[in-house]
C-alpha atoms as a PDB file:
ATOM      1  CA  UNK A   1      10.497 -49.480   8.752  1.00  0.00           C
ATOM      2  CA  UNK A   2      10.992 -51.804   5.809  1.00  0.00           C
ATOM      3  CA  UNK A   3      10.527 -49.593   2.749  1.00  0.00           C
ATOM      4  CA  UNK A   4      11.200 -45.902   2.049  1.00  0.00           C
ATOM      5  CA  UNK A   5      10.543 -43.825  -1.061  1.00  0.00           C
ATOM      6  CA  UNK A   6      12.758 -40.741  -1.432  1.00  0.00           C
ATOM      7  CA  UNK A   7      12.279 -37.807  -3.770  1.00  0.00           C
ATOM      8  CA  UNK A   8      15.396 -35.759  -4.434  1.00  0.00           C
ATOM      9  CA  UNK A   9      17.497 -38.827  -3.744  1.00  0.00           C
ATOM     10  CA  UNK A  10      20.447 -37.427  -5.732  1.00  0.00           C
ATOM     11  CA  UNK A  11      20.719 -34.258  -3.622  1.00  0.00           C
ATOM     12  CA  UNK A  12      23.336 -34.254  -0.857  1.00  0.00           C
ATOM     13  CA  UNK A  13      20.962 -35.130   1.983  1.00  0.00           C
ATOM     14  CA  UNK A  14      19.196 -37.669  -0.230  1.00  0.00           C
ATOM     15  CA  UNK A  15      22.440 -39.468  -1.095  1.00  0.00           C
ATOM     16  CA  UNK A  16      23.586 -39.660   2.516  1.00  0.00           C
ATOM     17  CA  UNK A  17      20.160 -40.734   3.743  1.00  0.00           C
ATOM     18  CA  UNK A  18      19.956 -43.480   1.116  1.00  0.00           C
ATOM     19  CA  UNK A  19      23.473 -44.606   2.050  1.00  0.00           C
ATOM     20  CA  UNK A  20      22.438 -45.023   5.686  1.00  0.00           C
ATOM     21  CA  UNK A  21      19.111 -46.703   4.946  1.00  0.00           C
ATOM     22  CA  UNK A  22      20.717 -49.221   2.586  1.00  0.00           C
ATOM     23  CA  UNK A  23      23.325 -50.014   5.251  1.00  0.00           C
ATOM     24  CA  UNK A  24      20.493 -50.548   7.751  1.00  0.00           C
ATOM     25  CA  UNK A  25      18.797 -53.061   5.456  1.00  0.00           C
ATOM     26  CA  UNK A  26      15.858 -50.845   4.473  1.00  0.00           C
ATOM     27  CA  UNK A  27      14.432 -51.219   0.966  1.00  0.00           C
ATOM     28  CA  UNK A  28      15.139 -47.873  -0.687  1.00  0.00           C
ATOM     29  CA  UNK A  29      13.400 -46.475  -3.753  1.00  0.00           C
ATOM     30  CA  UNK A  30      13.999 -43.105  -5.345  1.00  0.00           C
ATOM     31  CA  UNK A  31      12.053 -40.875  -7.722  1.00  0.00           C
ATOM     32  CA  UNK A  32      14.377 -39.273 -10.268  1.00  0.00           C
ATOM     33  CA  UNK A  33      14.140 -37.145 -13.386  1.00  0.00           C
ATOM     34  CA  UNK A  34      15.727 -37.705 -16.773  1.00  0.00           C
ATOM     35  CA  UNK A  35      19.363 -36.706 -16.479  1.00  0.00           C
ATOM     36  CA  UNK A  36      19.588 -37.158 -12.687  1.00  0.00           C
ATOM     37  CA  UNK A  37      23.152 -37.836 -11.545  1.00  0.00           C
ATOM     38  CA  UNK A  38      22.759 -41.383 -10.286  1.00  0.00           C
ATOM     39  CA  UNK A  39      26.528 -41.797 -10.022  1.00  0.00           C
ATOM     40  CA  UNK A  40      26.332 -39.776  -6.799  1.00  0.00           C
ATOM     41  CA  UNK A  41      24.816 -42.894  -5.214  1.00  0.00           C
ATOM     42  CA  UNK A  42      27.881 -45.035  -5.876  1.00  0.00           C
ATOM     43  CA  UNK A  43      28.875 -47.534  -4.560  1.00  0.00           C
ATOM     44  CA  UNK A  44      25.353 -48.612  -3.462  1.00  0.00           C
ATOM     45  CA  UNK A  45      23.462 -47.512  -6.584  1.00  0.00           C
ATOM     46  CA  UNK A  46      22.532 -51.075  -7.534  1.00  0.00           C
ATOM     47  CA  UNK A  47      20.778 -51.505  -4.178  1.00  0.00           C
ATOM     48  CA  UNK A  48      18.308 -48.687  -4.891  1.00  0.00           C
ATOM     49  CA  UNK A  49      15.204 -49.012  -7.077  1.00  0.00           C
ATOM     50  CA  UNK A  50      14.656 -45.950  -9.274  1.00  0.00           C
ATOM     51  CA  UNK A  51      11.420 -44.594 -10.737  1.00  0.00           C
ATOM     52  CA  UNK A  52      11.448 -41.971 -13.468  1.00  0.00           C
ATOM     53  CA  UNK A  53       9.172 -38.978 -13.021  1.00  0.00           C
ATOM     54  CA  UNK A  54       8.248 -37.636 -16.460  1.00  0.00           C
ATOM     55  CA  UNK A  55       5.942 -34.897 -15.183  1.00  0.00           C
ATOM     56  CA  UNK A  56       2.822 -37.035 -15.357  1.00  0.00           C
ATOM     57  CA  UNK A  57       0.581 -38.150 -12.514  1.00  0.00           C
ATOM     58  CA  UNK A  58       0.774 -41.746 -13.721  1.00  0.00           C
ATOM     59  CA  UNK A  59       4.570 -41.919 -13.287  1.00  0.00           C
ATOM     60  CA  UNK A  60       4.243 -40.982  -9.607  1.00  0.00           C
ATOM     61  CA  UNK A  61       1.273 -43.315  -9.154  1.00  0.00           C
ATOM     62  CA  UNK A  62       3.433 -46.182 -10.389  1.00  0.00           C
ATOM     63  CA  UNK A  63       6.367 -45.229  -8.156  1.00  0.00           C
ATOM     64  CA  UNK A  64       4.266 -45.233  -4.993  1.00  0.00           C
ATOM     65  CA  UNK A  65       2.240 -48.298  -5.988  1.00  0.00           C
ATOM     66  CA  UNK A  66       5.263 -50.463  -6.773  1.00  0.00           C
ATOM     67  CA  UNK A  67       7.549 -49.302  -3.944  1.00  0.00           C
ATOM     68  CA  UNK A  68       4.838 -49.575  -1.252  1.00  0.00           C
ATOM     69  CA  UNK A  69       6.712 -47.283   1.136  1.00  0.00           C
ATOM     70  CA  UNK A  70       6.134 -47.202   4.881  1.00  0.00           C
ATOM     71  CA  UNK A  71       7.295 -43.573   4.751  1.00  0.00           C
ATOM     72  CA  UNK A  72       7.778 -41.121   1.867  1.00  0.00           C
ATOM     73  CA  UNK A  73      10.668 -38.697   2.390  1.00  0.00           C
ATOM     74  CA  UNK A  74      10.244 -35.611   0.231  1.00  0.00           C
ATOM     75  CA  UNK A  75      13.555 -33.833  -0.458  1.00  0.00           C
ATOM     76  CA  UNK A  76      13.083 -32.761  -4.074  1.00  0.00           C
ATOM     77  CA  UNK A  77      12.872 -29.075  -4.858  1.00  0.00           C
ATOM     78  CA  UNK A  78      14.262 -26.176  -6.849  1.00  0.00           C
ATOM     79  CA  UNK A  79      16.190 -23.341  -5.214  1.00  0.00           C
ATOM     80  CA  UNK A  80      17.099 -19.887  -6.425  1.00  0.00           C
ATOM     81  CA  UNK A  81      17.437 -16.811  -4.208  1.00  0.00           C
ATOM     82  CA  UNK A  82      16.359 -14.187  -6.766  1.00  0.00           C
ATOM     83  CA  UNK A  83      14.211 -15.624  -9.534  1.00  0.00           C
ATOM     84  CA  UNK A  84      13.612 -14.609 -13.126  1.00  0.00           C
ATOM     85  CA  UNK A  85      10.140 -14.841 -14.724  1.00  0.00           C
ATOM     86  CA  UNK A  86      11.089 -18.198 -16.250  1.00  0.00           C
ATOM     87  CA  UNK A  87      12.320 -19.483 -12.899  1.00  0.00           C
ATOM     88  CA  UNK A  88       9.047 -18.480 -11.258  1.00  0.00           C
ATOM     89  CA  UNK A  89       7.292 -21.225 -13.205  1.00  0.00           C
ATOM     90  CA  UNK A  90      10.070 -23.691 -12.364  1.00  0.00           C
ATOM     91  CA  UNK A  91       9.763 -22.904  -8.652  1.00  0.00           C
ATOM     92  CA  UNK A  92       6.012 -23.476  -8.701  1.00  0.00           C
ATOM     93  CA  UNK A  93       6.359 -26.744 -10.615  1.00  0.00           C
ATOM     94  CA  UNK A  94       9.192 -28.179  -8.515  1.00  0.00           C
ATOM     95  CA  UNK A  95       8.129 -26.987  -5.061  1.00  0.00           C
ATOM     96  CA  UNK A  96       4.327 -27.088  -5.256  1.00  0.00           C
ATOM     97  CA  UNK A  97       2.941 -28.960  -8.271  1.00  0.00           C
ATOM     98  CA  UNK A  98       5.300 -31.957  -8.144  1.00  0.00           C
ATOM     99  CA  UNK A  99       4.712 -32.385  -4.405  1.00  0.00           C
ATOM    100  CA  UNK A 100       0.944 -32.168  -4.857  1.00  0.00           C
ATOM    101  CA  UNK A 101       1.041 -34.889  -7.514  1.00  0.00           C
ATOM    102  CA  UNK A 102       3.100 -36.955  -5.087  1.00  0.00           C
ATOM    103  CA  UNK A 103       0.431 -36.523  -2.401  1.00  0.00           C
ATOM    104  CA  UNK A 104      -2.245 -37.604  -4.872  1.00  0.00           C
ATOM    105  CA  UNK A 105      -0.229 -40.720  -5.695  1.00  0.00           C
ATOM    106  CA  UNK A 106       0.206 -41.404  -1.970  1.00  0.00           C
ATOM    107  CA  UNK A 107      -3.520 -40.987  -1.383  1.00  0.00           C
ATOM    108  CA  UNK A 108      -4.409 -43.411  -4.184  1.00  0.00           C
ATOM    109  CA  UNK A 109      -2.063 -46.047  -2.787  1.00  0.00           C
ATOM    110  CA  UNK A 110      -2.679 -45.616   0.938  1.00  0.00           C
ATOM    111  CA  UNK A 111       0.787 -44.240   1.757  1.00  0.00           C
ATOM    112  CA  UNK A 112      -0.149 -41.578   4.275  1.00  0.00           C
ATOM    113  CA  UNK A 113       3.121 -40.933   6.108  1.00  0.00           C
ATOM    114  CA  UNK A 114       5.236 -38.094   4.696  1.00  0.00           C
ATOM    115  CA  UNK A 115       8.415 -36.374   5.861  1.00  0.00           C
ATOM    116  CA  UNK A 116       8.672 -33.025   4.102  1.00  0.00           C
ATOM    117  CA  UNK A 117      11.844 -30.959   3.907  1.00  0.00           C
ATOM    118  CA  UNK A 118      11.476 -27.233   4.515  1.00  0.00           C
ATOM    119  CA  UNK A 119      13.847 -24.303   4.773  1.00  0.00           C
ATOM    120  CA  UNK A 120      14.459 -21.747   7.485  1.00  0.00           C
ATOM    121  CA  UNK A 121      13.887 -19.130   4.790  1.00  0.00           C
ATOM    122  CA  UNK A 122      10.187 -19.793   5.425  1.00  0.00           C
ATOM    123  CA  UNK A 123      10.626 -18.001   8.773  1.00  0.00           C
ATOM    124  CA  UNK A 124      12.129 -14.583   8.111  1.00  0.00           C
ATOM    125  CA  UNK A 125      12.809 -13.088  11.535  1.00  0.00           C
ATOM    126  CA  UNK A 126       9.521 -14.530  12.782  1.00  0.00           C
ATOM    127  CA  UNK A 127       8.324 -17.466  14.885  1.00  0.00           C
ATOM    128  CA  UNK A 128       5.486 -18.000  12.412  1.00  0.00           C
ATOM    129  CA  UNK A 129       5.826 -18.632   8.663  1.00  0.00           C
ATOM    130  CA  UNK A 130       7.045 -15.464   6.957  1.00  0.00           C
ATOM    131  CA  UNK A 131       8.806 -16.400   3.665  1.00  0.00           C
ATOM    132  CA  UNK A 132      11.815 -14.267   2.799  1.00  0.00           C
ATOM    133  CA  UNK A 133      11.541 -14.745  -0.986  1.00  0.00           C
ATOM    134  CA  UNK A 134       9.520 -16.490  -3.676  1.00  0.00           C
ATOM    135  CA  UNK A 135      11.440 -19.750  -3.219  1.00  0.00           C
ATOM    136  CA  UNK A 136      10.426 -19.786   0.456  1.00  0.00           C
ATOM    137  CA  UNK A 137       6.857 -18.865  -0.505  1.00  0.00           C
ATOM    138  CA  UNK A 138       6.590 -21.970  -2.681  1.00  0.00           C
ATOM    139  CA  UNK A 139       8.024 -24.158   0.078  1.00  0.00           C
ATOM    140  CA  UNK A 140       5.491 -22.729   2.526  1.00  0.00           C
ATOM    141  CA  UNK A 141       2.665 -23.205   0.030  1.00  0.00           C
ATOM    142  CA  UNK A 142       3.428 -26.921  -0.125  1.00  0.00           C
ATOM    143  CA  UNK A 143       3.594 -27.126   3.688  1.00  0.00           C
ATOM    144  CA  UNK A 144       0.105 -25.599   3.747  1.00  0.00           C
ATOM    145  CA  UNK A 145      -1.033 -28.159   1.162  1.00  0.00           C
ATOM    146  CA  UNK A 146       0.247 -30.946   3.397  1.00  0.00           C
ATOM    147  CA  UNK A 147      -1.810 -29.587   6.255  1.00  0.00           C
ATOM    148  CA  UNK A 148      -4.932 -29.763   4.098  1.00  0.00           C
ATOM    149  CA  UNK A 149      -4.192 -33.385   3.167  1.00  0.00           C
ATOM    150  CA  UNK A 150      -3.849 -34.182   6.855  1.00  0.00           C
ATOM    151  CA  UNK A 151      -7.237 -32.638   7.624  1.00  0.00           C
ATOM    152  CA  UNK A 152      -9.106 -33.998   4.608  1.00  0.00           C
ATOM    153  CA  UNK A 153      -7.459 -37.378   3.940  1.00  0.00           C
ATOM    154  CA  UNK A 154      -5.896 -38.514   7.224  1.00  0.00           C
ATOM    155  CA  UNK A 155      -2.254 -38.013   6.240  1.00  0.00           C
ATOM    156  CA  UNK A 156       0.443 -37.979   8.924  1.00  0.00           C
ATOM    157  CA  UNK A 157       3.311 -35.654   8.108  1.00  0.00           C
ATOM    158  CA  UNK A 158       6.137 -33.680   9.613  1.00  0.00           C
ATOM    159  CA  UNK A 159       8.167 -30.754   8.257  1.00  0.00           C
ATOM    160  CA  UNK A 160      11.896 -30.892   8.976  1.00  0.00           C
ATOM    161  CA  UNK A 161      13.335 -27.405   8.571  1.00  0.00           C
ATOM    162  CA  UNK A 162      16.905 -27.360   7.253  1.00  0.00           C
ATOM    163  CA  UNK A 163      19.526 -24.694   7.928  1.00  0.00           C
ATOM    164  CA  UNK A 164      23.098 -25.169   6.614  1.00  0.00           C
ATOM    165  CA  UNK A 165      24.130 -28.796   6.090  1.00  0.00           C
ATOM    166  CA  UNK A 166      27.719 -29.967   5.617  1.00  0.00           C
ATOM    167  CA  UNK A 167      29.827 -33.102   5.875  1.00  0.00           C
ATOM    168  CA  UNK A 168      31.840 -35.670   3.916  1.00  0.00           C
ATOM    169  CA  UNK A 169      31.312 -36.364   0.212  1.00  0.00           C
ATOM    170  CA  UNK A 170      29.647 -32.965  -0.245  1.00  0.00           C
ATOM    171  CA  UNK A 171      30.146 -31.699  -3.805  1.00  0.00           C
ATOM    172  CA  UNK A 172      28.240 -28.432  -3.295  1.00  0.00           C
ATOM    173  CA  UNK A 173      30.220 -25.198  -3.279  1.00  0.00           C
ATOM    174  CA  UNK A 174      28.741 -23.642  -0.149  1.00  0.00           C
ATOM    175  CA  UNK A 175      30.252 -21.441   2.551  1.00  0.00           C
ATOM    176  CA  UNK A 176      32.128 -24.126   4.473  1.00  0.00           C
ATOM    177  CA  UNK A 177      33.688 -25.429   1.252  1.00  0.00           C
ATOM    178  CA  UNK A 178      34.593 -21.880   0.217  1.00  0.00           C
ATOM    179  CA  UNK A 179      36.323 -21.186   3.540  1.00  0.00           C
ATOM    180  CA  UNK A 180      38.225 -24.481   3.439  1.00  0.00           C
ATOM    181  CA  UNK A 181      39.294 -23.934  -0.180  1.00  0.00           C
ATOM    182  CA  UNK A 182      40.447 -20.405   0.625  1.00  0.00           C
ATOM    183  CA  UNK A 183      42.462 -21.587   3.598  1.00  0.00           C
ATOM    184  CA  UNK A 184      44.145 -24.134   1.358  1.00  0.00           C
ATOM    185  CA  UNK A 185      44.805 -21.807  -1.587  1.00  0.00           C
ATOM    186  CA  UNK A 186      45.675 -18.648   0.335  1.00  0.00           C
ATOM    187  CA  UNK A 187      43.352 -16.427  -1.674  1.00  0.00           C
ATOM    188  CA  UNK A 188      40.979 -13.746  -0.425  1.00  0.00           C
ATOM    189  CA  UNK A 189      37.462 -14.718   0.610  1.00  0.00           C
ATOM    190  CA  UNK A 190      34.612 -12.272  -0.027  1.00  0.00           C
ATOM    191  CA  UNK A 191      32.004 -12.179   2.753  1.00  0.00           C
ATOM    192  CA  UNK A 192      28.914 -10.051   3.280  1.00  0.00           C
ATOM    193  CA  UNK A 193      29.439  -7.014   5.484  1.00  0.00           C
ATOM    194  CA  UNK A 194      26.275  -7.690   7.526  1.00  0.00           C
ATOM    195  CA  UNK A 195      28.009 -10.794   8.972  1.00  0.00           C
ATOM    196  CA  UNK A 196      24.802 -12.863   9.359  1.00  0.00           C
ATOM    197  CA  UNK A 197      24.475 -15.522  12.043  1.00  0.00           C
ATOM    198  CA  UNK A 198      24.260 -18.999  10.516  1.00  0.00           C
ATOM    199  CA  UNK A 199      23.309 -22.429  11.791  1.00  0.00           C
ATOM    200  CA  UNK A 200      25.500 -25.314  10.602  1.00  0.00           C
ATOM    201  CA  UNK A 201      24.370 -28.905  11.102  1.00  0.00           C
ATOM    202  CA  UNK A 202      26.505 -31.953  10.360  1.00  0.00           C
ATOM    203  CA  UNK A 203      24.962 -34.382   7.880  1.00  0.00           C
ATOM    204  CA  UNK A 204      25.167 -37.275  10.355  1.00  0.00           C
ATOM    205  CA  UNK A 205      22.907 -35.394  12.775  1.00  0.00           C
ATOM    206  CA  UNK A 206      20.489 -34.552   9.968  1.00  0.00           C
ATOM    207  CA  UNK A 207      20.257 -38.197   8.927  1.00  0.00           C
ATOM    208  CA  UNK A 208      19.506 -39.212  12.526  1.00  0.00           C
ATOM    209  CA  UNK A 209      16.637 -36.714  12.547  1.00  0.00           C
ATOM    210  CA  UNK A 210      15.087 -38.219   9.413  1.00  0.00           C
ATOM    211  CA  UNK A 211      15.414 -41.727  10.831  1.00  0.00           C
ATOM    212  CA  UNK A 212      13.818 -40.696  14.127  1.00  0.00           C
ATOM    213  CA  UNK A 213      11.000 -38.842  12.363  1.00  0.00           C
ATOM    214  CA  UNK A 214      10.322 -41.959  10.277  1.00  0.00           C
ATOM    215  CA  UNK A 215      10.157 -44.081  13.422  1.00  0.00           C
ATOM    216  CA  UNK A 216       7.837 -41.654  15.195  1.00  0.00           C
ATOM    217  CA  UNK A 217       5.503 -41.353  12.199  1.00  0.00           C
ATOM    218  CA  UNK A 218       5.158 -45.125  12.207  1.00  0.00           C
ATOM    219  CA  UNK A 219       4.928 -45.714  15.954  1.00  0.00           C
ATOM    220  CA  UNK A 220       3.463 -42.527  17.489  1.00  0.00           C
ATOM    221  CA  UNK A 221       2.286 -40.240  14.672  1.00  0.00           C
ATOM    222  CA  UNK A 222       0.008 -38.294  17.003  1.00  0.00           C
ATOM    223  CA  UNK A 223       3.114 -37.010  18.849  1.00  0.00           C
ATOM    224  CA  UNK A 224       4.624 -35.177  15.876  1.00  0.00           C
ATOM    225  CA  UNK A 225       2.188 -35.069  12.961  1.00  0.00           C
ATOM    226  CA  UNK A 226       1.359 -31.655  11.549  1.00  0.00           C
ATOM    227  CA  UNK A 227       4.327 -29.845  13.098  1.00  0.00           C
ATOM    228  CA  UNK A 228       7.504 -28.209  11.829  1.00  0.00           C
ATOM    229  CA  UNK A 229      10.810 -28.860  13.587  1.00  0.00           C
ATOM    230  CA  UNK A 230      14.109 -26.996  13.377  1.00  0.00           C
ATOM    231  CA  UNK A 231      17.130 -29.203  12.628  1.00  0.00           C
ATOM    232  CA  UNK A 232      19.494 -26.810  14.371  1.00  0.00           C
ATOM    233  CA  UNK A 233      23.146 -27.500  14.999  1.00  0.00           C
ATOM    234  CA  UNK A 234      22.811 -25.771  18.362  1.00  0.00           C
ATOM    235  CA  UNK A 235      25.811 -23.464  17.823  1.00  0.00           C
ATOM    236  CA  UNK A 236      24.869 -20.452  15.761  1.00  0.00           C
ATOM    237  CA  UNK A 237      27.797 -18.317  14.693  1.00  0.00           C
ATOM    238  CA  UNK A 238      28.323 -15.245  12.529  1.00  0.00           C
ATOM    239  CA  UNK A 239      30.436 -15.855   9.447  1.00  0.00           C
ATOM    240  CA  UNK A 240      33.367 -13.990  10.995  1.00  0.00           C
ATOM    241  CA  UNK A 241      33.424 -16.392  13.960  1.00  0.00           C
ATOM    242  CA  UNK A 242      33.146 -19.415  11.657  1.00  0.00           C
ATOM    243  CA  UNK A 243      36.245 -18.179   9.834  1.00  0.00           C
ATOM    244  CA  UNK A 244      38.041 -17.735  13.159  1.00  0.00           C
ATOM    245  CA  UNK A 245      37.220 -21.355  14.068  1.00  0.00           C
ATOM    246  CA  UNK A 246      38.670 -22.516  10.742  1.00  0.00           C
ATOM    247  CA  UNK A 247      41.815 -20.499  11.435  1.00  0.00           C
ATOM    248  CA  UNK A 248      42.135 -22.035  14.891  1.00  0.00           C
ATOM    249  CA  UNK A 249      41.646 -25.614  13.694  1.00  0.00           C
ATOM    250  CA  UNK A 250      43.510 -25.295  10.383  1.00  0.00           C
ATOM    251  CA  UNK A 251      46.382 -23.300  11.840  1.00  0.00           C
ATOM    252  CA  UNK A 252      46.343 -20.768   9.008  1.00  0.00           C
ATOM    253  CA  UNK A 253      44.897 -17.267   8.692  1.00  0.00           C
ATOM    254  CA  UNK A 254      42.202 -16.583   6.096  1.00  0.00           C
ATOM    255  CA  UNK A 255      42.219 -13.289   4.187  1.00  0.00           C
ATOM    256  CA  UNK A 256      38.760 -11.747   3.756  1.00  0.00           C
ATOM    257  CA  UNK A 257      37.144  -8.736   2.147  1.00  0.00           C
ATOM    258  CA  UNK A 258      33.670  -7.450   2.991  1.00  0.00           C
ATOM    259  CA  UNK A 259      31.032  -6.699   0.412  1.00  0.00           C
ATOM    260  CA  UNK A 260      27.849  -4.704   0.996  1.00  0.00           C
ATOM    261  CA  UNK A 261      24.567  -6.212  -0.153  1.00  0.00           C
ATOM    262  CA  UNK A 262      22.815  -4.617  -3.088  1.00  0.00           C
ATOM    263  CA  UNK A 263      19.884  -2.344  -2.166  1.00  0.00           C
ATOM    264  CA  UNK A 264      16.705  -4.282  -1.437  1.00  0.00           C
ATOM    265  CA  UNK A 265      18.398  -7.622  -0.739  1.00  0.00           C
ATOM    266  CA  UNK A 266      16.983  -9.361   2.324  1.00  0.00           C
ATOM    267  CA  UNK A 267      19.501 -11.157   4.520  1.00  0.00           C
ATOM    268  CA  UNK A 268      18.516 -13.593   7.276  1.00  0.00           C
ATOM    269  CA  UNK A 269      20.454 -12.224  10.235  1.00  0.00           C
ATOM    270  CA  UNK A 270      18.846 -14.405  12.894  1.00  0.00           C
ATOM    271  CA  UNK A 271      17.827 -18.012  12.084  1.00  0.00           C
ATOM    272  CA  UNK A 272      14.458 -19.387  13.173  1.00  0.00           C
ATOM    273  CA  UNK A 273      14.139 -20.532  16.792  1.00  0.00           C
ATOM    274  CA  UNK A 274      11.648 -23.317  16.148  1.00  0.00           C
ATOM    275  CA  UNK A 275      10.829 -26.401  18.235  1.00  0.00           C
ATOM    276  CA  UNK A 276      13.142 -29.425  18.178  1.00  0.00           C
ATOM    277  CA  UNK A 277      12.011 -32.850  17.007  1.00  0.00           C
ATOM    278  CA  UNK A 278      11.140 -34.827  20.186  1.00  0.00           C
ATOM    279  CA  UNK A 279      14.006 -37.132  21.140  1.00  0.00           C
ATOM    280  CA  UNK A 280      16.532 -35.583  18.741  1.00  0.00           C
ATOM    281  CA  UNK A 281      19.485 -33.327  19.387  1.00  0.00           C
ATOM    282  CA  UNK A 282      22.697 -32.660  17.441  1.00  0.00           C
ATOM    283  CA  UNK A 283      25.662 -34.701  18.667  1.00  0.00           C
ATOM    284  CA  UNK A 284      28.468 -33.315  16.499  1.00  0.00           C
ATOM    285  CA  UNK A 285      29.712 -29.915  17.626  1.00  0.00           C
ATOM    286  CA  UNK A 286      30.685 -27.311  15.054  1.00  0.00           C
ATOM    287  CA  UNK A 287      34.378 -27.612  15.925  1.00  0.00           C
ATOM    288  CA  UNK A 288      34.297 -31.399  15.724  1.00  0.00           C
ATOM    289  CA  UNK A 289      32.423 -31.211  12.427  1.00  0.00           C
ATOM    290  CA  UNK A 290      34.968 -28.811  10.945  1.00  0.00           C
ATOM    291  CA  UNK A 291      37.835 -31.001  12.139  1.00  0.00           C
ATOM    292  CA  UNK A 292      36.233 -33.977  10.404  1.00  0.00           C
ATOM    293  CA  UNK A 293      35.554 -31.914   7.300  1.00  0.00           C
ATOM    294  CA  UNK A 294      39.160 -30.763   6.993  1.00  0.00           C
ATOM    295  CA  UNK A 295      40.320 -34.366   7.412  1.00  0.00           C
ATOM    296  CA  UNK A 296      37.929 -35.492   4.687  1.00  0.00           C
ATOM    297  CA  UNK A 297      35.588 -37.579   6.855  1.00  0.00           C
END
């Protein structure tokens, strides 16, 4: 693999993937929007070629034509758990329309290998697609679009389904950060009373999955094309047990208070048990990952 084009390159996974690819000597290009936080790609920002997406088909055509990627890695998207009417249009644009324009640009330029990033919210307590909310519906709609492009235009693609990612240099305020911050500050952490089981995957393992999927799409696309694979950490734990692990490793108790969900709120209590990408498995255990996280690496 000599050249990769990444959408969503300034998201956490995108930054860490670009970091690794640049270090491996791969030519990395990224599609960004006006106002994207390119500083997240420091200190290797000058080794990435950026293309501005202005909402037009022509801007994506140019990005694919000039970058000539061996593989396109699609990470871009818009997430919100409960959407407003205005956000409904944003979800459709970001998670369906933008991706479809990208596929059209790929088709025009002969770039037929795509790694798409999905979410386990597409599989609500079901082995088959069963989106839990409108966000997941839009992600599933694009996965269905990809399948049509495979059938009609000869694309090779794979869906990598993400659970909970974490690791170094993560600026997002997610559960692991909240637990760590609470342990440091000594405050009280609010958790949901249903105590859902969650699947945490270290960023290094996620990056290895994207690299392997890229290799397989280039060398043996018939082995994986058209399928969805779960990037599971292999150690699913309820939030209460995750907190206990933090207490054990950090040597300090964490005060919590439970909060009931509002009526009608769906909560994923059991993550999707999907197939694993052939040849991939997580190498960093949850305890090792938390130890690294608390040490800042």
